[in-house]
Amino acid sequence: MIKWILISLLGLSTFAQTITAKVNSSQVALEDSFKLTISFESQSNVEPYVSFKLNNGEIISDNTNDASRMMVKGIFAGGKMIQKKIYNYVYEIRARKPGTTVVKDIEVDLGGSVVKHRSLSVRILRQRAALQDYFVRAEVDKSQAYVGERIDLNYYVYFKGEITNPEFVKFPVQKGFLKRFELPRTNVERVSIQGEVYKRLLVYKSVLYPEKTGDLSIDPIELRIQYPDYKSRRRNAFGMSFSFSSATYKTKVIRSDRVKIKSIPIPTENMPKSFTGLVGQHRFELSFNKSKVVVNDVLEARLNVVGDGALEKFEAPRLISSDAFEVFEARAEMIEKTPLDKNKRFDYTYLAKYSEDIPKNSLELSIFNPLTHQFETTKLEIDALSIIGSGTSSSNISSKEATTVAKEAKENIRSTVEKNIQQNVMAPVFKPSQKRNIWTIINYSLGAIAVFILALTAFPYIRLFKRDPLNDLKKNFVYSQIFHYICTYSNNKSGDSLGDKIENSNLSSEARTYFSDLVENASKNEYKGAKLPLKFEKKYWNELIRESNESN
């Protein structure tokens, strides 16, 4: 257990070591430049090495030799002061021609590990577009992505003056994408676009995952804004002239342009059989509640998946393939860290059917890394499992012993029924005493006479009966009781599951259908929280008991 905790902590440390790379604008004119900022943290004494490649671009200035690129910050960890170095590398880049400038192969060598970042792109215009005083724009972190790869999308409102809270007229649908979104609450910030200072406000954030290949487009949004329209007026009063300004608010509907996204397929070459369909960095954590169970006991397992892929489409992998367990459908749940970042959790339930030792096994889960363009596989170790109890498989117990166990179980049921009959008879049971006197005999005689008279009086209303051995089942008609009675009154075949016992019986086809449906619905009620109706059909239960008596 300690070994797996250490491995998990190591995995968390590696997973958390990331870098941030961003550009200050998604499009610029050919004569303008844009800034690339690469930020990361390090505790190493080795000077980090930052590298990237440019398509259609050149670096015109940077701060790689300035002391301002690094800031030292002290933090407490484990009762000790640790120095953390925060780096911010800033590059000014200019394009060579119109089109698109791509910053790719972004890497930081930290002296022992290399951390990578996805590619960034900037659209290069032939000339500066005529900017309006108020406009909305969709900005993405990449213009090309694999199917299932994460795309970060932000919609910004840009304005020069003042605006009231924007009101949505039309939300984006994003056909061809799986999406998550949120309406953020952010502050107004100042930015420079084509040499002009604008204010901007983030009004809509989304994460998109392409669901098909080809040319896709980001839907526009429409916003209704109100802005002040100032007018100057001149007045004369008391022989003096003065001017003042007043404002009236105007309403304007602004709409963003569509943004093109090229979706490319995941390569099928060298694709492992364990590929999960997930794209991007992910971490998998598997745990079982126990390693040893008894027959008819429940085993539970949990699989946590943490990552930036399209987890909504990830299905529960199979953990145990042994027939010694009855497998119930895994319960999946999306765990929301933020509206855009989610984890997924699978809860498994297994019912032990008969004794068996299941050897140690492993589960392989593969993802596709869009940075390295390679498949990466994680191997999860599953410890050996052991089922113990009376439902021992044929490899561990002889058929003669299995028959003995079944007969003992039947005798216990029958003795319980007879005991219940004795406890519920209408008249008292008289036990003769070894020492009797005349008064005892007289009392018994009078009691017998009273009972006889009472019996004669109530004779028309008395119905002699034999207690039904299925009464206890009818009162507590649940999965455990159903399981117990079927096992007791069926031909006990070593290693058979409950379904096999029903299918291999000599019951009529209607009875087999009834018991199969009953067991399935009862198990869903017991282990999956369902509320399915369970109908007690006495004729089929009598048929089961009759078949058991005939076989014996």
Protein backbone atom coordinates (compact mmCIF):
# COMPACT_ATOMS: atom_id res chain seq x y z
CA MET A 1 0.00 0.00 0.00
CA ILE A 2 2.84 2.43 0.92
CA LYS A 3 4.47 1.68 -2.42
CA TRP A 4 1.34 2.73 -4.34
CA ILE A 5 0.94 5.88 -2.25
CA LEU A 6 4.51 6.89 -3.08
CA ILE A 7 3.94 6.17 -6.76
CA SER A 8 0.73 8.25 -6.72
CA LEU A 9 2.50 11.17 -5.02
CA LEU A 10 5.31 10.98 -7.57
CA GLY A 11 2.74 10.97 -10.35
CA LEU A 12 1.02 14.01 -8.85
CA SER A 13 4.32 15.88 -8.70
CA THR A 14 5.14 15.12 -12.31
CA PHE A 15 1.64 15.95 -13.47
CA ALA A 16 1.66 19.34 -11.69
CA GLN A 17 4.95 20.48 -13.29
CA THR A 18 3.67 22.55 -16.23
CA ILE A 19 4.49 25.69 -18.15
CA THR A 20 2.25 28.47 -19.45
CA ALA A 21 2.72 29.98 -22.89
CA LYS A 22 0.51 32.69 -24.41
CA VAL A 23 0.49 35.45 -27.01
CA ASN A 24 -0.94 38.92 -26.37
CA SER A 25 -3.13 38.91 -29.49
CA SER A 26 -4.68 36.33 -31.78
CA GLN A 27 -4.27 38.52 -34.88
CA VAL A 28 -2.00 41.42 -35.85
CA ALA A 29 -1.18 43.37 -38.98
CA LEU A 30 1.90 42.48 -41.00
CA GLU A 31 3.72 45.66 -39.92
CA ASP A 32 2.98 45.05 -36.22
CA SER A 33 4.61 42.67 -33.77
CA PHE A 34 3.18 40.49 -31.02
CA LYS A 35 4.53 39.22 -27.71
CA LEU A 36 5.05 35.60 -26.63
CA THR A 37 5.27 35.01 -22.85
CA ILE A 38 6.50 31.68 -21.41
CA SER A 39 6.08 31.29 -17.62
CA PHE A 40 7.05 28.47 -15.26
CA GLU A 41 8.38 27.69 -11.79
CA SER A 42 11.52 25.80 -10.75
CA GLN A 43 13.39 24.87 -7.56
CA SER A 44 16.49 23.67 -9.39
CA ASN A 45 19.81 25.51 -9.25
CA VAL A 46 20.35 24.68 -12.92
CA GLU A 47 19.55 27.51 -15.34
CA PRO A 48 16.50 26.44 -17.40
CA TYR A 49 16.74 26.27 -21.17
CA VAL A 50 13.76 27.56 -23.16
CA SER A 51 13.34 26.65 -26.84
CA PHE A 52 10.68 26.84 -29.56
CA LYS A 53 10.38 27.03 -33.34
CA LEU A 54 8.72 29.69 -35.50
CA ASN A 55 6.90 29.24 -38.78
CA ASN A 56 6.63 32.61 -40.59
CA GLY A 57 8.17 34.70 -37.84
CA GLU A 58 11.35 36.09 -36.33
CA ILE A 59 12.34 37.29 -32.86
CA ILE A 60 13.10 41.02 -32.78
CA SER A 61 13.69 41.34 -29.00
CA ASP A 62 13.60 39.29 -25.79
CA ASN A 63 14.41 39.48 -22.06
CA THR A 64 16.35 36.23 -21.77
CA ASN A 65 19.45 38.04 -20.47
CA ASP A 66 17.61 40.44 -18.15
CA ALA A 67 17.45 39.91 -14.41
CA SER A 68 13.73 40.81 -14.53
CA ARG A 69 12.93 37.46 -16.16
CA MET A 70 13.28 35.68 -12.77
CA MET A 71 11.76 36.34 -9.34
CA VAL A 72 12.60 34.41 -6.15
CA LYS A 73 9.76 33.55 -3.79
CA GLY A 74 9.99 31.78 -0.43
CA ILE A 75 7.38 29.22 0.61
CA PHE A 76 6.97 26.91 3.63
CA ALA A 77 6.74 23.17 2.91
CA GLY A 78 7.14 20.45 5.53
CA GLY A 79 8.14 23.03 8.15
CA LYS A 80 11.04 24.30 6.03
CA MET A 81 11.56 27.41 3.95
CA ILE A 82 11.99 26.55 0.27
CA GLN A 83 13.00 29.01 -2.41
CA LYS A 84 10.92 28.87 -5.56
CA LYS A 85 12.10 30.61 -8.71
CA ILE A 86 9.41 32.08 -10.98
CA TYR A 87 10.46 32.68 -14.59
CA ASN A 88 8.78 34.88 -17.20
CA TYR A 89 10.43 34.87 -20.61
CA VAL A 90 9.01 37.50 -23.00
CA TYR A 91 9.73 37.49 -26.75
CA GLU A 92 8.67 40.10 -29.31
CA ILE A 93 7.96 38.47 -32.67
CA ARG A 94 7.22 39.86 -36.12
CA ALA A 95 5.83 37.89 -39.07
CA ARG A 96 7.55 37.77 -42.45
CA LYS A 97 4.41 37.53 -44.60
CA PRO A 98 0.61 37.49 -44.32
CA GLY A 99 -1.06 34.25 -43.25
CA THR A 100 -0.39 32.52 -39.96
CA THR A 101 2.59 32.52 -37.61
CA VAL A 102 2.89 29.29 -35.62
CA VAL A 103 4.94 28.94 -32.43
CA LYS A 104 5.58 25.20 -32.05
CA ASP A 105 7.79 22.71 -30.16
CA ILE A 106 7.70 24.89 -27.03
CA GLU A 107 9.95 23.20 -24.43
CA VAL A 108 11.62 24.06 -21.13
CA ASP A 109 14.57 21.94 -19.97
CA LEU A 110 14.64 22.20 -16.16
CA GLY A 111 17.91 20.31 -15.76
CA GLY A 112 16.38 16.91 -15.11
CA SER A 113 13.08 16.94 -16.94
CA VAL A 114 11.73 18.50 -20.11
CA VAL A 115 8.25 20.06 -19.99
CA LYS A 116 6.39 20.78 -23.23
CA HIS A 117 3.54 23.07 -24.26
CA ARG A 118 1.08 22.93 -27.12
CA SER A 119 1.60 25.06 -30.26
CA LEU A 120 0.22 28.62 -30.54
CA SER A 121 -0.86 30.49 -33.66
CA VAL A 122 -1.39 34.15 -34.60
CA ARG A 123 -3.26 35.34 -37.68
CA ILE A 124 -1.27 37.87 -39.75
CA LEU A 125 -3.30 40.49 -41.71
CA ARG A 126 -2.03 42.23 -44.81
CA GLN A 127 -3.01 45.58 -43.36
CA ARG A 128 -4.60 46.85 -40.26
CA ALA A 129 -8.32 46.25 -40.17
CA ALA A 130 -10.53 49.20 -39.45
CA LEU A 131 -11.38 48.67 -35.80
CA GLN A 132 -14.66 49.84 -34.36
CA ASP A 133 -15.06 51.47 -30.98
CA TYR A 134 -17.08 48.44 -29.81
CA PHE A 135 -16.67 44.87 -31.04
CA VAL A 136 -16.66 41.24 -29.79
CA ARG A 137 -14.17 38.60 -30.85
CA ALA A 138 -13.69 34.83 -30.41
CA GLU A 139 -10.12 33.82 -29.55
CA VAL A 140 -8.79 30.24 -29.47
CA ASP A 141 -5.45 28.86 -28.30
CA LYS A 142 -4.97 26.81 -31.48
CA SER A 143 -6.32 26.68 -35.02
CA GLN A 144 -5.55 22.97 -35.58
CA ALA A 145 -6.30 20.12 -33.20
CA TYR A 146 -6.67 16.34 -33.12
CA VAL A 147 -10.09 14.77 -32.70
CA GLY A 148 -10.76 14.81 -28.95
CA GLU A 149 -8.01 17.37 -28.20
CA ARG A 150 -8.84 20.28 -25.90
CA ILE A 151 -9.31 23.76 -27.40
CA ASP A 152 -9.63 26.76 -25.07
CA LEU A 153 -12.05 29.39 -26.40
CA ASN A 154 -12.65 32.90 -25.00
CA TYR A 155 -15.09 35.57 -26.20
CA TYR A 156 -13.97 39.13 -25.41
CA VAL A 157 -15.82 42.44 -25.75
CA TYR A 158 -13.48 45.28 -26.75
CA PHE A 159 -14.48 48.92 -26.23
CA LYS A 160 -12.92 52.37 -25.92
CA GLY A 161 -15.50 54.26 -23.90
CA GLU A 162 -17.89 52.82 -21.36
CA ILE A 163 -20.53 50.11 -21.68
CA THR A 164 -23.17 48.62 -19.43
CA ASN A 165 -23.33 44.91 -18.69
CA PRO A 166 -23.51 43.10 -22.04
CA GLU A 167 -26.69 41.10 -22.67
CA PHE A 168 -26.57 37.91 -24.72
CA VAL A 169 -28.77 37.86 -27.80
CA LYS A 170 -27.44 34.58 -29.24
CA PHE A 171 -25.31 31.89 -27.61
CA PRO A 172 -22.93 29.69 -29.65
CA VAL A 173 -24.04 26.13 -30.48
CA GLN A 174 -20.63 24.76 -31.57
CA LYS A 175 -21.80 22.00 -33.89
CA GLY A 176 -19.20 19.26 -34.34
CA PHE A 177 -17.69 19.84 -30.89
CA LEU A 178 -18.21 18.46 -27.42
CA LYS A 179 -18.25 21.55 -25.21
CA ARG A 180 -18.12 22.82 -21.66
CA PHE A 181 -18.76 26.48 -20.90
CA GLU A 182 -19.12 29.08 -18.17
CA LEU A 183 -20.12 32.74 -17.89
CA PRO A 184 -17.16 34.22 -15.99
CA ARG A 185 -17.06 37.20 -13.69
CA THR A 186 -13.90 39.08 -14.58
CA ASN A 187 -12.56 42.60 -14.31
CA VAL A 188 -12.00 44.99 -17.16
CA GLU A 189 -8.41 45.00 -18.44
CA ARG A 190 -6.52 47.28 -20.83
CA VAL A 191 -4.85 45.87 -23.95
CA SER A 192 -3.20 47.23 -27.06
CA ILE A 193 -4.59 46.22 -30.46
CA GLN A 194 -2.86 47.47 -33.60
CA GLY A 195 -1.30 50.30 -31.67
CA GLU A 196 -4.56 51.44 -30.06
CA VAL A 197 -5.53 51.07 -26.40
CA TYR A 198 -8.77 49.22 -25.73
CA LYS A 199 -10.58 47.95 -22.70
CA ARG A 200 -11.77 44.37 -22.84
CA LEU A 201 -14.10 42.15 -20.85
CA LEU A 202 -14.25 38.34 -20.92
CA VAL A 203 -17.94 37.43 -21.30
CA TYR A 204 -17.90 33.70 -22.23
CA LYS A 205 -15.40 30.87 -21.71
CA SER A 206 -15.55 27.45 -23.26
CA VAL A 207 -13.58 24.25 -23.73
CA LEU A 208 -14.16 22.44 -27.02
CA TYR A 209 -13.30 18.92 -28.22
CA PRO A 210 -13.59 18.20 -31.97
CA GLU A 211 -15.80 15.16 -32.57
CA LYS A 212 -15.01 14.68 -36.25
CA THR A 213 -12.25 15.46 -38.73
CA GLY A 214 -12.30 18.23 -41.33
CA ASP A 215 -12.80 21.98 -41.36
CA LEU A 216 -14.91 23.12 -38.42
CA SER A 217 -15.92 26.60 -37.35
CA ILE A 218 -16.45 28.36 -34.03
CA ASP A 219 -19.96 29.84 -33.86
CA PRO A 220 -20.34 33.59 -33.32
CA ILE A 221 -22.08 35.16 -30.37
CA GLU A 222 -24.33 38.22 -30.43
CA LEU A 223 -24.40 40.77 -27.61
CA ARG A 224 -26.55 43.79 -26.91
CA ILE A 225 -24.65 46.63 -25.27
CA GLN A 226 -25.50 50.16 -24.17
CA TYR A 227 -22.96 52.96 -24.42
CA PRO A 228 -23.11 56.71 -23.70
CA ASP A 229 -23.36 59.22 -26.57
CA TYR A 230 -22.02 62.56 -25.35
CA LYS A 231 -23.17 65.89 -26.87
CA SER A 232 -21.80 69.33 -26.15
CA ARG A 233 -24.17 72.25 -25.78
CA ARG A 234 -23.59 76.03 -25.39
CA ARG A 235 -25.79 78.30 -23.25
CA ASN A 236 -25.86 82.05 -22.47
CA ALA A 237 -26.87 83.16 -19.00
CA PHE A 238 -26.58 86.57 -17.37
CA GLY A 239 -24.52 87.77 -20.30
CA MET A 240 -22.02 84.91 -19.93
CA SER A 241 -21.52 82.03 -22.35
CA PHE A 242 -20.74 78.51 -21.04
CA SER A 243 -20.85 74.99 -22.45
CA PHE A 244 -21.71 71.63 -20.94
CA SER A 245 -22.10 68.08 -22.17
CA SER A 246 -24.84 65.53 -21.61
CA ALA A 247 -25.07 61.89 -22.50
CA THR A 248 -27.82 59.68 -23.78
CA TYR A 249 -27.40 55.90 -23.89
CA LYS A 250 -27.62 54.12 -27.19
CA THR A 251 -28.14 50.40 -27.80
CA LYS A 252 -26.00 48.39 -30.20
CA VAL A 253 -25.92 44.69 -31.15
CA ILE A 254 -22.44 43.36 -31.90
CA ARG A 255 -21.53 39.98 -33.38
CA SER A 256 -18.26 38.07 -33.49
CA ASP A 257 -16.77 36.53 -36.64
CA ARG A 258 -16.54 32.80 -37.20
CA VAL A 259 -13.18 31.19 -36.47
CA LYS A 260 -11.98 28.24 -38.53
CA ILE A 261 -10.58 25.12 -36.84
CA LYS A 262 -8.89 22.28 -38.71
CA SER A 263 -9.56 18.94 -37.03
CA ILE A 264 -7.14 16.12 -37.88
CA PRO A 265 -7.50 12.40 -37.12
CA ILE A 266 -5.50 10.54 -34.50
CA PRO A 267 -2.91 8.37 -36.30
CA THR A 268 -3.80 4.69 -36.42
CA GLU A 269 -0.20 3.57 -36.87
CA ASN A 270 1.11 1.97 -33.66
CA MET A 271 -2.22 2.59 -31.96
CA PRO A 272 -2.34 0.18 -28.93
CA LYS A 273 -5.36 -2.01 -28.21
CA SER A 274 -5.60 -0.32 -24.81
CA PHE A 275 -6.21 3.14 -26.36
CA THR A 276 -8.97 4.87 -24.39
CA GLY A 277 -9.75 7.59 -26.94
CA LEU A 278 -8.44 10.27 -24.57
CA VAL A 279 -6.14 12.98 -25.93
CA GLY A 280 -3.82 14.99 -23.67
CA GLN A 281 -2.26 14.47 -20.24
CA HIS A 282 -4.17 12.15 -17.89
CA ARG A 283 -3.65 10.35 -14.60
CA PHE A 284 -5.41 7.13 -13.53
CA GLU A 285 -5.89 5.98 -9.92
CA LEU A 286 -7.35 2.53 -9.05
CA SER A 287 -8.28 1.16 -5.60
CA PHE A 288 -10.19 -1.84 -4.16
CA ASN A 289 -11.93 -1.88 -0.77
CA LYS A 290 -10.56 -5.36 0.05
CA SER A 291 -8.59 -8.24 -1.46
CA LYS A 292 -10.44 -11.13 0.25
CA VAL A 293 -14.19 -11.71 0.21
CA VAL A 294 -16.52 -14.54 1.16
CA VAL A 295 -19.14 -16.07 -1.10
CA ASN A 296 -22.20 -13.80 -1.49
CA ASP A 297 -20.12 -10.84 -0.25
CA VAL A 298 -19.66 -7.61 -2.23
CA LEU A 299 -16.33 -6.35 -3.60
CA GLU A 300 -16.05 -2.67 -4.57
CA ALA A 301 -13.50 -0.82 -6.68
CA ARG A 302 -13.00 2.79 -7.73
CA LEU A 303 -11.20 4.25 -10.76
CA ASN A 304 -10.43 8.00 -10.80
CA VAL A 305 -9.43 9.69 -14.07
CA VAL A 306 -7.83 13.14 -13.95
CA GLY A 307 -6.96 15.01 -17.13
CA ASP A 308 -7.88 17.56 -19.78
CA GLY A 309 -9.46 15.19 -22.33
CA ALA A 310 -13.09 14.59 -23.28
CA LEU A 311 -13.87 12.48 -20.22
CA GLU A 312 -17.60 12.60 -20.95
CA LYS A 313 -17.02 10.02 -23.70
CA PHE A 314 -14.69 7.76 -21.73
CA GLU A 315 -16.42 4.48 -20.79
CA ALA A 316 -15.61 2.30 -17.79
CA PRO A 317 -12.86 -0.23 -18.61
CA ARG A 318 -13.21 -3.86 -17.50
CA LEU A 319 -11.25 -4.63 -14.34
CA ILE A 320 -12.05 -8.29 -13.50
CA SER A 321 -12.71 -10.99 -16.10
CA SER A 322 -13.24 -13.98 -13.77
CA ASP A 323 -16.64 -15.72 -13.81
CA ALA A 324 -16.35 -16.13 -10.04
CA PHE A 325 -17.75 -12.60 -9.72
CA GLU A 326 -21.15 -11.40 -10.81
CA VAL A 327 -20.48 -8.00 -12.41
CA PHE A 328 -22.86 -5.06 -12.05
CA GLU A 329 -22.80 -2.02 -14.29
CA ALA A 330 -20.23 0.53 -13.14
CA ARG A 331 -21.61 3.85 -11.88
CA ALA A 332 -19.93 6.83 -13.58
CA GLU A 333 -19.84 10.34 -12.16
CA MET A 334 -18.29 13.56 -13.45
CA ILE A 335 -16.47 15.41 -10.64
CA GLU A 336 -16.47 19.15 -11.32
CA LYS A 337 -13.41 21.10 -10.18
CA THR A 338 -14.52 24.12 -12.22
CA PRO A 339 -17.17 24.37 -14.96
CA LEU A 340 -14.38 23.82 -17.49
CA ASP A 341 -12.15 21.35 -15.64
CA LYS A 342 -13.64 18.01 -14.64
CA ASN A 343 -12.51 14.58 -13.47
CA LYS A 344 -14.39 11.31 -13.86
CA ARG A 345 -14.97 8.57 -11.30
CA PHE A 346 -16.14 5.00 -11.82
CA ASP A 347 -17.52 2.90 -8.94
CA TYR A 348 -17.55 -0.86 -9.56
CA THR A 349 -19.60 -3.49 -7.68
CA TYR A 350 -18.95 -7.24 -7.81
CA LEU A 351 -20.77 -10.12 -6.06
CA ALA A 352 -18.68 -13.18 -5.18
CA LYS A 353 -20.42 -16.34 -6.47
CA TYR A 354 -18.05 -19.19 -5.57
CA SER A 355 -14.59 -19.78 -4.12
CA GLU A 356 -11.63 -18.99 -6.33
CA ASP A 357 -8.16 -17.46 -6.16
CA ILE A 358 -7.68 -14.81 -8.85
CA PRO A 359 -4.00 -14.11 -9.57
CA LYS A 360 -2.42 -10.68 -9.69
CA ASN A 361 -3.22 -8.85 -12.89
CA SER A 362 -2.70 -5.46 -14.56
CA LEU A 363 -4.86 -3.00 -16.51
CA GLU A 364 -3.34 -1.00 -19.36
CA LEU A 365 -4.83 2.38 -20.36
CA SER A 366 -3.37 4.39 -23.25
CA ILE A 367 -3.77 8.05 -24.23
CA PHE A 368 -2.51 10.10 -27.17
CA ASN A 369 -0.14 12.99 -26.40
CA PRO A 370 -0.66 15.81 -28.96
CA LEU A 371 2.64 17.44 -27.97
CA THR A 372 4.82 14.44 -28.78
CA HIS A 373 2.35 12.93 -31.31
CA GLN A 374 2.85 9.59 -29.56
CA PHE A 375 0.71 7.10 -27.62
CA GLU A 376 1.50 6.76 -23.92
CA THR A 377 0.41 3.79 -21.77
CA THR A 378 -0.25 3.63 -18.03
CA LYS A 379 -0.21 0.22 -16.32
CA LEU A 380 -2.37 -0.19 -13.20
CA GLU A 381 -1.55 -3.16 -10.98
CA ILE A 382 -4.48 -5.21 -9.63
CA ASP A 383 -3.53 -7.25 -6.57
CA ALA A 384 -4.49 -10.92 -6.24
CA LEU A 385 -8.08 -11.49 -5.11
CA SER A 386 -9.40 -14.40 -3.06
CA ILE A 387 -12.98 -15.66 -2.62
CA ILE A 388 -13.61 -18.00 0.30
CA GLY A 389 -16.77 -19.70 1.50
CA SER A 390 -19.14 -22.64 0.98
CA GLY A 391 -19.60 -21.94 -2.70
CA THR A 392 -16.24 -23.55 -3.46
CA SER A 393 -15.37 -24.24 -7.07
CA SER A 394 -14.96 -27.78 -8.37
CA SER A 395 -11.21 -27.38 -8.48
CA ASN A 396 -11.10 -26.99 -4.67
CA ILE A 397 -13.87 -29.27 -3.35
CA SER A 398 -15.32 -32.57 -4.46
CA SER A 399 -18.85 -32.87 -5.79
CA LYS A 400 -19.69 -35.21 -2.86
CA GLU A 401 -18.74 -32.50 -0.37
CA ALA A 402 -20.75 -29.93 -2.34
CA THR A 403 -23.82 -32.19 -2.17
CA THR A 404 -23.34 -32.58 1.60
CA VAL A 405 -23.20 -28.79 2.01
CA ALA A 406 -26.41 -28.41 -0.01
CA LYS A 407 -28.26 -31.06 2.04
CA GLU A 408 -27.16 -29.45 5.29
CA ALA A 409 -28.48 -26.10 4.08
CA LYS A 410 -31.84 -27.69 3.19
CA GLU A 411 -32.09 -29.39 6.57
CA ASN A 412 -31.44 -26.06 8.28
CA ILE A 413 -34.26 -24.44 6.31
CA ARG A 414 -36.67 -27.28 7.11
CA SER A 415 -35.78 -27.30 10.81
CA THR A 416 -36.37 -23.55 10.91
CA VAL A 417 -39.80 -24.02 9.27
CA GLU A 418 -40.79 -26.76 11.75
CA LYS A 419 -39.67 -24.63 14.67
CA ASN A 420 -41.78 -21.74 13.40
CA ILE A 421 -44.80 -24.08 13.09
CA GLN A 422 -44.42 -25.18 16.71
CA GLN A 423 -44.15 -21.57 17.88
CA ASN A 424 -47.32 -20.50 16.08
CA VAL A 425 -49.86 -23.33 16.82
CA MET A 426 -53.22 -22.08 18.12
CA ALA A 427 -53.52 -24.30 21.23
CA PRO A 428 -50.92 -24.76 24.00
CA VAL A 429 -48.69 -27.82 23.87
CA PHE A 430 -48.92 -29.93 27.03
CA LYS A 431 -45.76 -31.59 28.31
CA PRO A 432 -46.34 -34.34 30.91
CA SER A 433 -44.71 -33.69 34.25
CA GLN A 434 -42.92 -36.46 36.14
CA LYS A 435 -44.54 -35.42 39.40
CA ARG A 436 -48.25 -35.10 39.18
CA ASN A 437 -50.78 -34.69 41.98
CA ILE A 438 -54.55 -34.79 41.98
CA TRP A 439 -54.88 -31.07 41.60
CA THR A 440 -52.61 -31.04 38.54
CA ILE A 441 -54.71 -33.78 36.94
CA ILE A 442 -57.90 -31.86 37.72
CA ASN A 443 -56.47 -28.62 36.28
CA TYR A 444 -55.33 -30.36 33.09
CA SER A 445 -58.71 -32.04 32.76
CA LEU A 446 -60.60 -28.78 33.17
CA GLY A 447 -58.26 -27.11 30.68
CA ALA A 448 -58.80 -29.87 28.16
CA ILE A 449 -62.57 -29.62 28.60
CA ALA A 450 -62.39 -25.82 28.09
CA VAL A 451 -60.35 -26.21 24.91
CA PHE A 452 -62.75 -28.90 23.64
CA ILE A 453 -65.77 -26.65 24.21
CA LEU A 454 -63.98 -23.71 22.55
CA ALA A 455 -63.10 -25.88 19.56
CA LEU A 456 -66.70 -27.05 19.18
CA THR A 457 -67.94 -23.45 19.34
CA ALA A 458 -65.45 -22.15 16.77
CA PHE A 459 -65.49 -25.23 14.56
CA PRO A 460 -67.29 -23.56 11.61
CA TYR A 461 -64.63 -20.85 11.51
CA ILE A 462 -61.56 -23.00 12.08
CA ARG A 463 -59.57 -24.15 9.12
CA LEU A 464 -56.86 -26.64 9.81
CA PHE A 465 -53.74 -25.85 7.71
CA LYS A 466 -50.19 -26.73 7.31
CA ARG A 467 -47.80 -23.76 7.49
CA ASP A 468 -46.40 -22.70 4.12
CA PRO A 469 -42.56 -22.87 4.16
CA LEU A 470 -42.51 -19.87 1.77
CA ASN A 471 -44.18 -17.50 4.25
CA ASP A 472 -40.84 -16.14 5.44
CA LEU A 473 -39.81 -15.49 1.85
CA LYS A 474 -43.05 -13.64 1.10
CA LYS A 475 -42.56 -11.40 4.16
CA ASN A 476 -38.98 -10.49 3.21
CA PHE A 477 -38.99 -10.69 -0.58
CA VAL A 478 -35.51 -9.21 -1.28
CA TYR A 479 -32.41 -10.27 -3.21
CA SER A 480 -30.64 -12.04 -0.30
CA GLN A 481 -33.70 -14.17 0.52
CA ILE A 482 -34.39 -14.94 -3.14
CA PHE A 483 -30.73 -15.92 -3.62
CA HIS A 484 -30.83 -18.17 -0.52
CA TYR A 485 -34.06 -20.00 -1.40
CA ILE A 486 -33.08 -20.62 -5.02
CA CYS A 487 -29.69 -22.01 -3.94
CA THR A 488 -31.41 -24.21 -1.33
CA TYR A 489 -34.11 -25.69 -3.53
CA SER A 490 -32.13 -26.03 -6.76
CA ASN A 491 -29.76 -28.79 -7.82
CA ASN A 492 -26.51 -27.55 -6.31
CA LYS A 493 -23.87 -27.80 -9.00
CA SER A 494 -20.43 -26.79 -7.82
CA GLY A 495 -19.26 -23.54 -9.40
CA ASP A 496 -22.63 -22.68 -10.98
CA SER A 497 -23.78 -19.09 -10.88
CA LEU A 498 -27.33 -18.23 -9.89
CA GLY A 499 -28.25 -17.86 -13.55
CA ASP A 500 -26.72 -21.25 -14.36
CA LYS A 501 -28.69 -22.92 -11.57
CA ILE A 502 -31.93 -21.62 -13.05
CA GLU A 503 -31.01 -22.36 -16.66
CA ASN A 504 -29.82 -25.93 -15.91
CA SER A 505 -32.85 -26.84 -13.80
CA ASN A 506 -35.78 -29.01 -14.90
CA LEU A 507 -38.23 -26.18 -14.44
CA SER A 508 -40.70 -25.21 -17.13
CA SER A 509 -39.67 -22.49 -19.57
CA GLU A 510 -42.17 -20.08 -17.95
CA ALA A 511 -40.66 -20.72 -14.51
CA ARG A 512 -37.10 -20.25 -15.77
CA THR A 513 -38.08 -16.95 -17.39
CA TYR A 514 -39.78 -15.83 -14.18
CA PHE A 515 -36.78 -16.63 -11.96
CA SER A 516 -34.26 -15.06 -14.39
CA ASP A 517 -36.20 -11.78 -14.53
CA LEU A 518 -36.78 -11.86 -10.77
CA VAL A 519 -33.06 -12.29 -9.95
CA GLU A 520 -32.03 -9.53 -12.35
CA ASN A 521 -34.56 -7.00 -10.95
CA ALA A 522 -33.79 -7.94 -7.33
CA SER A 523 -30.04 -7.50 -7.85
CA LYS A 524 -30.57 -4.06 -9.39
CA ASN A 525 -32.65 -3.05 -6.37
CA GLU A 526 -30.00 -4.35 -3.96
CA TYR A 527 -26.80 -3.06 -5.53
CA LYS A 528 -27.77 -0.24 -7.89
CA GLY A 529 -30.46 1.58 -5.91
CA ALA A 530 -33.29 0.73 -8.32
CA LYS A 531 -36.92 0.37 -7.20
CA LEU A 532 -38.21 -2.31 -9.54
CA PRO A 533 -41.35 -4.22 -8.48
CA LEU A 534 -40.77 -7.86 -7.42
CA LYS A 535 -43.79 -10.13 -7.95
CA PHE A 536 -44.14 -13.26 -5.84
CA GLU A 537 -45.52 -16.07 -8.05
CA LYS A 538 -46.30 -18.93 -5.69
CA LYS A 539 -46.89 -21.51 -8.44
CA TYR A 540 -43.33 -21.16 -9.72
CA TRP A 541 -41.84 -21.37 -6.23
CA ASN A 542 -43.89 -24.52 -5.55
CA GLU A 543 -42.60 -25.92 -8.82
CA LEU A 544 -39.03 -25.21 -7.67
CA ILE A 545 -39.60 -26.98 -4.32
CA ARG A 546 -41.34 -29.90 -6.03
CA GLU A 547 -38.44 -30.35 -8.45
CA SER A 548 -35.99 -30.29 -5.51
CA ASN A 549 -37.93 -33.01 -3.63
CA GLU A 550 -38.17 -35.23 -6.73
CA SER A 551 -34.44 -34.94 -7.43
CA ASN A 552 -33.65 -36.00 -3.87
